[in-house]
Protein backbone atom coordinates (compact mmCIF):
# COMPACT_ATOMS: atom_id res chain seq x y z
CA MET A 1 -43.12 -36.97 3.83
CA ALA A 2 -43.45 -40.36 5.84
CA VAL A 3 -44.84 -43.60 5.43
CA ALA A 4 -46.84 -45.32 8.23
CA VAL A 5 -48.48 -48.81 8.23
CA GLU A 6 -51.78 -49.63 9.94
CA ASP A 7 -52.77 -53.12 9.80
CA SER A 8 -52.26 -53.98 6.09
CA ARG A 9 -52.70 -50.18 4.81
CA LEU A 10 -49.63 -48.21 4.06
CA ILE A 11 -50.26 -44.65 4.63
CA LEU A 12 -48.46 -42.01 2.79
CA GLU A 13 -48.11 -38.86 4.42
CA GLY A 14 -47.03 -35.13 3.48
CA GLU A 15 -45.78 -34.36 -0.07
CA VAL A 16 -45.28 -37.04 -2.78
CA ASN A 17 -43.57 -35.28 -5.70
CA SER A 18 -40.14 -35.15 -7.43
CA ALA A 19 -38.25 -34.10 -4.61
CA THR A 20 -39.41 -37.00 -2.11
CA VAL A 21 -40.39 -39.82 -4.17
CA ALA A 22 -36.80 -41.07 -4.47
CA ALA A 23 -36.49 -41.49 -0.75
CA LEU A 24 -39.96 -43.05 -0.44
CA LEU A 25 -39.54 -45.81 -3.00
CA ASP A 26 -37.52 -48.49 -1.43
CA ASP A 27 -39.61 -48.17 2.04
CA VAL A 28 -42.91 -48.24 0.03
CA LEU A 29 -41.93 -50.96 -2.22
CA ALA A 30 -40.75 -52.94 1.05
CA HIS A 31 -43.90 -52.49 2.53
CA VAL A 32 -45.67 -54.14 -0.59
CA ARG A 33 -43.26 -56.87 -0.40
CA GLU A 34 -44.32 -57.43 3.36
CA GLY A 35 -47.83 -57.90 2.46
CA ALA A 36 -49.26 -54.38 2.33
CA GLU A 37 -52.98 -54.70 0.72
CA ALA A 38 -53.72 -51.01 0.33
CA VAL A 39 -51.83 -47.63 -0.20
CA ASP A 40 -53.76 -44.61 1.17
CA PHE A 41 -53.00 -41.26 -0.21
CA GLY A 42 -55.79 -39.68 2.34
CA ALA A 43 -52.74 -37.94 4.32
CA VAL A 44 -50.89 -36.71 1.18
CA THR A 45 -50.31 -32.76 1.20
CA ASP A 46 -49.19 -32.27 -2.22
CA LEU A 47 -48.21 -34.56 -5.36
CA ASP A 48 -47.16 -34.28 -8.78
CA SER A 49 -46.61 -36.93 -11.41
CA SER A 50 -44.02 -38.57 -9.30
CA ALA A 51 -46.93 -39.88 -7.03
CA VAL A 52 -48.47 -41.53 -10.26
CA ALA A 53 -45.07 -43.15 -10.95
CA LEU A 54 -44.70 -44.35 -7.15
CA ALA A 55 -48.21 -46.04 -7.52
CA LEU A 56 -47.04 -47.71 -10.86
CA ALA A 57 -44.18 -49.10 -9.20
CA CYS A 58 -46.22 -50.50 -6.24
CA VAL A 59 -48.64 -51.91 -8.73
CA ARG A 60 -45.58 -53.59 -10.67
CA GLU A 61 -44.33 -55.20 -7.20
CA ALA A 62 -47.52 -56.41 -6.20
CA LYS A 63 -48.28 -58.27 -9.67
CA ALA A 64 -44.76 -59.70 -9.63
CA LEU A 65 -45.68 -61.37 -6.38
CA ASP A 66 -48.85 -62.41 -7.54
CA ARG A 67 -50.95 -59.93 -5.37
CA SER A 68 -53.61 -57.47 -5.48
CA LEU A 69 -53.04 -53.94 -4.09
CA ARG A 70 -55.71 -51.28 -3.72
CA PHE A 71 -55.39 -47.45 -3.80
CA ILE A 72 -57.67 -45.72 -1.14
CA ASN A 73 -58.50 -41.99 -0.90
CA LEU A 74 -56.75 -40.69 -3.99
CA PRO A 75 -56.99 -37.07 -4.49
CA PRO A 76 -58.43 -35.63 -7.35
CA LYS A 77 -54.88 -34.19 -8.86
CA PHE A 78 -53.55 -38.12 -8.55
CA VAL A 79 -56.82 -39.01 -10.66
CA ASN A 80 -56.46 -36.23 -13.18
CA LEU A 81 -52.58 -37.33 -13.58
CA ALA A 82 -53.60 -40.87 -14.21
CA ARG A 83 -56.26 -40.11 -16.58
CA LEU A 84 -53.56 -37.59 -18.51
CA TYR A 85 -50.99 -40.47 -18.69
CA ASN A 86 -53.88 -43.05 -19.71
CA VAL A 87 -53.40 -45.44 -16.72
CA SER A 88 -56.44 -44.48 -14.63
CA GLU A 89 -57.62 -47.91 -15.33
CA LEU A 90 -55.22 -49.32 -12.87
CA PHE A 91 -56.88 -47.06 -10.01
CA ALA A 92 -60.40 -47.70 -10.92
CA ASP A 93 -61.39 -49.59 -7.91
CA ALA A 94 -59.89 -46.72 -5.69
CA ALA A 95 -62.20 -45.83 -3.09
């Protein structure tokens, strides 16, 4: 698992699951505070519901800063989990 930044896009790489999300959280939220405009899941190789929790934490952080945040390249598994937890509307604009 890793986090890379390209322009204003935060790129998540590798596994985003219960074993990795705690290590990612502070770094990811710091990038949101620093102005990341998008979170890209395109390089995520595996995820579980912890990925949805991470994304929700990002949404809360961005809203607290009165910023918008987009999510791109969401895998079908993420979309299905977001629907299951009734939060898919928060990611409706995901490309």
